[in-house]
């Protein structure tokens, strides 16, 4: 059931992210939050380990500056899916646009830096 909810939220956010591509280039780096979920389910924000509480603070700031979340999940492990669902819930809660970064997307390269 959780997988269905995550899939539904992901597809909803994907629709929003389609219009965000051009805005990503217009927005400065301070208007983009790069959120990555690693294999163990740990959450990283802009290449630094973080928590859901700190994401609240960052997402509230992004909401004020009309920012975008770039989201990347390294693996489909159980821990990563659970953390990913929590992060996507926060994105939805703050009504932020999100870009789901896949391995062949230009934004995926930002997570490799």
C-alpha atoms as a PDB file:
ATOM      1  CA  UNK A   1       0.000   0.000   0.000  1.00  0.00           C
ATOM      2  CA  UNK A   2       2.851   2.396   0.829  1.00  0.00           C
ATOM      3  CA  UNK A   3       4.385   1.725  -2.563  1.00  0.00           C
ATOM      4  CA  UNK A   4       1.137   2.729  -4.263  1.00  0.00           C
ATOM      5  CA  UNK A   5       1.019   5.976  -2.282  1.00  0.00           C
ATOM      6  CA  UNK A   6       4.656   6.768  -3.092  1.00  0.00           C
ATOM      7  CA  UNK A   7       4.025   5.974  -6.747  1.00  0.00           C
ATOM      8  CA  UNK A   8       0.958   8.231  -6.811  1.00  0.00           C
ATOM      9  CA  UNK A   9       2.802  11.108  -5.117  1.00  0.00           C
ATOM     10  CA  UNK A  10       5.795  10.572  -7.395  1.00  0.00           C
ATOM     11  CA  UNK A  11       3.696  10.675 -10.541  1.00  0.00           C
ATOM     12  CA  UNK A  12       1.905  13.780  -9.314  1.00  0.00           C
ATOM     13  CA  UNK A  13       5.198  15.505  -8.638  1.00  0.00           C
ATOM     14  CA  UNK A  14       6.583  14.336 -11.959  1.00  0.00           C
ATOM     15  CA  UNK A  15       3.794  16.193 -13.697  1.00  0.00           C
ATOM     16  CA  UNK A  16       4.752  19.326 -11.787  1.00  0.00           C
ATOM     17  CA  UNK A  17       8.439  18.848 -12.564  1.00  0.00           C
ATOM     18  CA  UNK A  18       7.828  18.880 -16.317  1.00  0.00           C
ATOM     19  CA  UNK A  19       7.208  22.615 -16.145  1.00  0.00           C
ATOM     20  CA  UNK A  20      10.083  23.185 -13.739  1.00  0.00           C
ATOM     21  CA  UNK A  21      12.913  22.411 -16.182  1.00  0.00           C
ATOM     22  CA  UNK A  22      13.104  25.924 -17.634  1.00  0.00           C
ATOM     23  CA  UNK A  23      12.647  27.469 -14.224  1.00  0.00           C
ATOM     24  CA  UNK A  24      15.580  25.412 -12.895  1.00  0.00           C
ATOM     25  CA  UNK A  25      17.900  27.303 -15.187  1.00  0.00           C
ATOM     26  CA  UNK A  26      16.392  30.666 -14.268  1.00  0.00           C
ATOM     27  CA  UNK A  27      16.558  29.999 -10.530  1.00  0.00           C
ATOM     28  CA  UNK A  28      19.772  30.586  -8.659  1.00  0.00           C
ATOM     29  CA  UNK A  29      21.502  27.813  -6.742  1.00  0.00           C
ATOM     30  CA  UNK A  30      19.903  29.075  -3.539  1.00  0.00           C
ATOM     31  CA  UNK A  31      16.463  28.250  -4.994  1.00  0.00           C
ATOM     32  CA  UNK A  32      17.310  24.586  -5.638  1.00  0.00           C
ATOM     33  CA  UNK A  33      17.480  21.971  -2.890  1.00  0.00           C
ATOM     34  CA  UNK A  34      19.257  18.786  -3.999  1.00  0.00           C
ATOM     35  CA  UNK A  35      17.830  15.938  -1.927  1.00  0.00           C
ATOM     36  CA  UNK A  36      19.358  12.487  -2.288  1.00  0.00           C
ATOM     37  CA  UNK A  37      18.392   9.253  -0.564  1.00  0.00           C
ATOM     38  CA  UNK A  38      21.311   6.830  -0.339  1.00  0.00           C
ATOM     39  CA  UNK A  39      21.250   3.023  -0.272  1.00  0.00           C
ATOM     40  CA  UNK A  40      20.812   2.902   3.511  1.00  0.00           C
ATOM     41  CA  UNK A  41      17.928   5.386   3.545  1.00  0.00           C
ATOM     42  CA  UNK A  42      19.988   8.310   4.841  1.00  0.00           C
ATOM     43  CA  UNK A  43      18.839  11.708   3.572  1.00  0.00           C
ATOM     44  CA  UNK A  44      21.324  14.156   2.066  1.00  0.00           C
ATOM     45  CA  UNK A  45      20.607  17.823   1.371  1.00  0.00           C
ATOM     46  CA  UNK A  46      23.027  19.640  -0.934  1.00  0.00           C
ATOM     47  CA  UNK A  47      25.718  16.978  -0.359  1.00  0.00           C
ATOM     48  CA  UNK A  48      25.375  17.027   3.442  1.00  0.00           C
ATOM     49  CA  UNK A  49      23.612  14.548   5.720  1.00  0.00           C
ATOM     50  CA  UNK A  50      20.350  15.923   7.056  1.00  0.00           C
ATOM     51  CA  UNK A  51      17.147  15.006   8.871  1.00  0.00           C
ATOM     52  CA  UNK A  52      13.459  15.462   8.192  1.00  0.00           C
ATOM     53  CA  UNK A  53      13.395  18.287  10.755  1.00  0.00           C
ATOM     54  CA  UNK A  54      16.073  20.205   8.864  1.00  0.00           C
ATOM     55  CA  UNK A  55      14.242  19.546   5.602  1.00  0.00           C
ATOM     56  CA  UNK A  56      11.228  21.318   7.130  1.00  0.00           C
ATOM     57  CA  UNK A  57      13.346  24.426   7.600  1.00  0.00           C
ATOM     58  CA  UNK A  58      14.829  24.253   4.104  1.00  0.00           C
ATOM     59  CA  UNK A  59      11.502  23.525   2.419  1.00  0.00           C
ATOM     60  CA  UNK A  60       9.865  26.457   4.225  1.00  0.00           C
ATOM     61  CA  UNK A  61      12.661  28.696   2.894  1.00  0.00           C
ATOM     62  CA  UNK A  62      12.236  27.258  -0.607  1.00  0.00           C
ATOM     63  CA  UNK A  63       8.511  27.947  -0.464  1.00  0.00           C
ATOM     64  CA  UNK A  64       9.236  31.614   0.287  1.00  0.00           C
ATOM     65  CA  UNK A  65      11.653  31.964  -2.661  1.00  0.00           C
ATOM     66  CA  UNK A  66       9.544  29.838  -5.037  1.00  0.00           C
ATOM     67  CA  UNK A  67      12.280  27.200  -5.164  1.00  0.00           C
ATOM     68  CA  UNK A  68      12.553  23.717  -6.633  1.00  0.00           C
ATOM     69  CA  UNK A  69      13.538  20.360  -5.133  1.00  0.00           C
ATOM     70  CA  UNK A  70      15.791  18.068  -7.146  1.00  0.00           C
ATOM     71  CA  UNK A  71      15.195  14.538  -5.863  1.00  0.00           C
ATOM     72  CA  UNK A  72      17.356  11.493  -6.471  1.00  0.00           C
ATOM     73  CA  UNK A  73      17.058   8.047  -4.877  1.00  0.00           C
ATOM     74  CA  UNK A  74      20.101   5.825  -5.344  1.00  0.00           C
ATOM     75  CA  UNK A  75      18.443   2.455  -4.880  1.00  0.00           C
ATOM     76  CA  UNK A  76      15.033   0.830  -4.477  1.00  0.00           C
ATOM     77  CA  UNK A  77      15.944  -0.697  -1.093  1.00  0.00           C
ATOM     78  CA  UNK A  78      13.310  -0.833   1.631  1.00  0.00           C
ATOM     79  CA  UNK A  79      15.128   1.790   3.719  1.00  0.00           C
ATOM     80  CA  UNK A  80      15.524   4.119   0.740  1.00  0.00           C
ATOM     81  CA  UNK A  81      11.851   3.771  -0.190  1.00  0.00           C
ATOM     82  CA  UNK A  82      10.746   4.593   3.359  1.00  0.00           C
ATOM     83  CA  UNK A  83      12.944   7.700   3.529  1.00  0.00           C
ATOM     84  CA  UNK A  84      11.930   8.679   0.012  1.00  0.00           C
ATOM     85  CA  UNK A  85       8.257   8.475   0.908  1.00  0.00           C
ATOM     86  CA  UNK A  86       8.845  10.737   3.914  1.00  0.00           C
ATOM     87  CA  UNK A  87      10.739  13.281   1.799  1.00  0.00           C
ATOM     88  CA  UNK A  88       8.114  13.273  -0.958  1.00  0.00           C
ATOM     89  CA  UNK A  89       5.420  13.775   1.669  1.00  0.00           C
ATOM     90  CA  UNK A  90       7.310  16.879   2.852  1.00  0.00           C
ATOM     91  CA  UNK A  91       7.600  18.146  -0.741  1.00  0.00           C
ATOM     92  CA  UNK A  92       3.859  17.715  -1.151  1.00  0.00           C
ATOM     93  CA  UNK A  93       3.148  19.283   2.245  1.00  0.00           C
ATOM     94  CA  UNK A  94       5.045  22.448   1.255  1.00  0.00           C
ATOM     95  CA  UNK A  95       3.582  22.332  -2.278  1.00  0.00           C
ATOM     96  CA  UNK A  96       7.004  22.598  -3.880  1.00  0.00           C
ATOM     97  CA  UNK A  97       7.816  21.743  -7.436  1.00  0.00           C
ATOM     98  CA  UNK A  98      10.109  18.757  -7.714  1.00  0.00           C
ATOM     99  CA  UNK A  99      12.377  17.385 -10.381  1.00  0.00           C
ATOM    100  CA  UNK A 100      12.810  13.618 -10.169  1.00  0.00           C
ATOM    101  CA  UNK A 101      16.370  12.992 -11.303  1.00  0.00           C
ATOM    102  CA  UNK A 102      17.010   9.697 -13.059  1.00  0.00           C
ATOM    103  CA  UNK A 103      20.410   8.338 -14.035  1.00  0.00           C
ATOM    104  CA  UNK A 104      20.213   9.867 -17.514  1.00  0.00           C
ATOM    105  CA  UNK A 105      18.896  13.323 -16.509  1.00  0.00           C
ATOM    106  CA  UNK A 106      21.041  16.443 -16.532  1.00  0.00           C
ATOM    107  CA  UNK A 107      20.245  17.103 -12.874  1.00  0.00           C
ATOM    108  CA  UNK A 108      21.598  13.671 -11.831  1.00  0.00           C
ATOM    109  CA  UNK A 109      25.105  14.989 -12.533  1.00  0.00           C
ATOM    110  CA  UNK A 110      24.667  17.532  -9.725  1.00  0.00           C
ATOM    111  CA  UNK A 111      24.539  14.666  -7.214  1.00  0.00           C
ATOM    112  CA  UNK A 112      27.839  13.245  -8.448  1.00  0.00           C
ATOM    113  CA  UNK A 113      29.786  16.405  -7.627  1.00  0.00           C
END
